[in-house]
């Protein structure tokens, strides 16, 4: 294809991933709106050029941050191990009420955590199941876990004044919540960068195509040199994207392997604390596997853009 990087089908494929995987609900809704538009090519181009950044700004406003928090808590808890928190978060999300969601953020979350904690303490089995090896394991996470937020959560759970209650809370929710934050940060960084790279790519490609047309029509050395430079700019623009997606793939691969290992460890343990970790570990392994596959697809996209730019440069030189 002559235009190469100006690829409506490729842009739509990327926006479809945004629509299904972005962590901000308002951004997902905007992506679907573009895809389902009566003129999806134009709507997707507009989404990448302007709407994405606008929706990110909207999402960072208070009401949307509250909804995001409620959703994250709902998705990282369950009926078995954190029933009060899970029920309260699920209700807040399902209500669709900004007021209810704000109340959950202000006081409801902490109150539900307290109810879960009191229920666990009343039973006593969670704290009784703790052994010194559990403390050692979580301290090791605090120092070496690949996720920044998991390290922070583990550090808090094993701080010098920490109690058994803190460690139980880490197993029940803190570990999964920190892991979700790490995954979201990784995804959001990739999406944000890719939208900016694609917007700039479109501008550079249009300039290169125009310069190549001028070179063909005028047949001057000056125009030819300008066209060569324009295609080189397109190729150079792919460098940071290819490098970043290669690094993202490596990180995702490490995280997927790490969570697969955690699932094995948790599955081999007994007691209520480690049983709370099995499902989140399996879910995180799958999520990071998906991130690795997404990174591979984006790396292929940018490798193709480099190839097209090099071919464009060669056509001008002939």
Foldseek 3Di string as FASTA:
>chain_A
DQLQLLDLVVLLVVLCCCLVPALQPQSVVQSVCLCPDPPNSVSSLCCLQPVVVVSVVVCPDDLNVLLSVLVLQLVQADCPQQNQLNVLSVCQNVVPDSVSSVCCVPPVNVVSVVVSLVVCVVVPQLLVPDDVVLLVVLCVCLVDPLAPQSVVLSCVCNPPPHDSSSSLCCLRGSNLSSLVVRLNVLVVVLVVVVSVLSNVLSVLSVQLVVLLVVCVVPVDPVSLVSNLVSLVVNLVSLVVVLVVLVVQLVSLVVQLVVLVVLLVVLVPDDGDRSVSSNVSSVVRNVSSVVSNVVSVVSNVSSVSSNVSSVVSSVVSVD
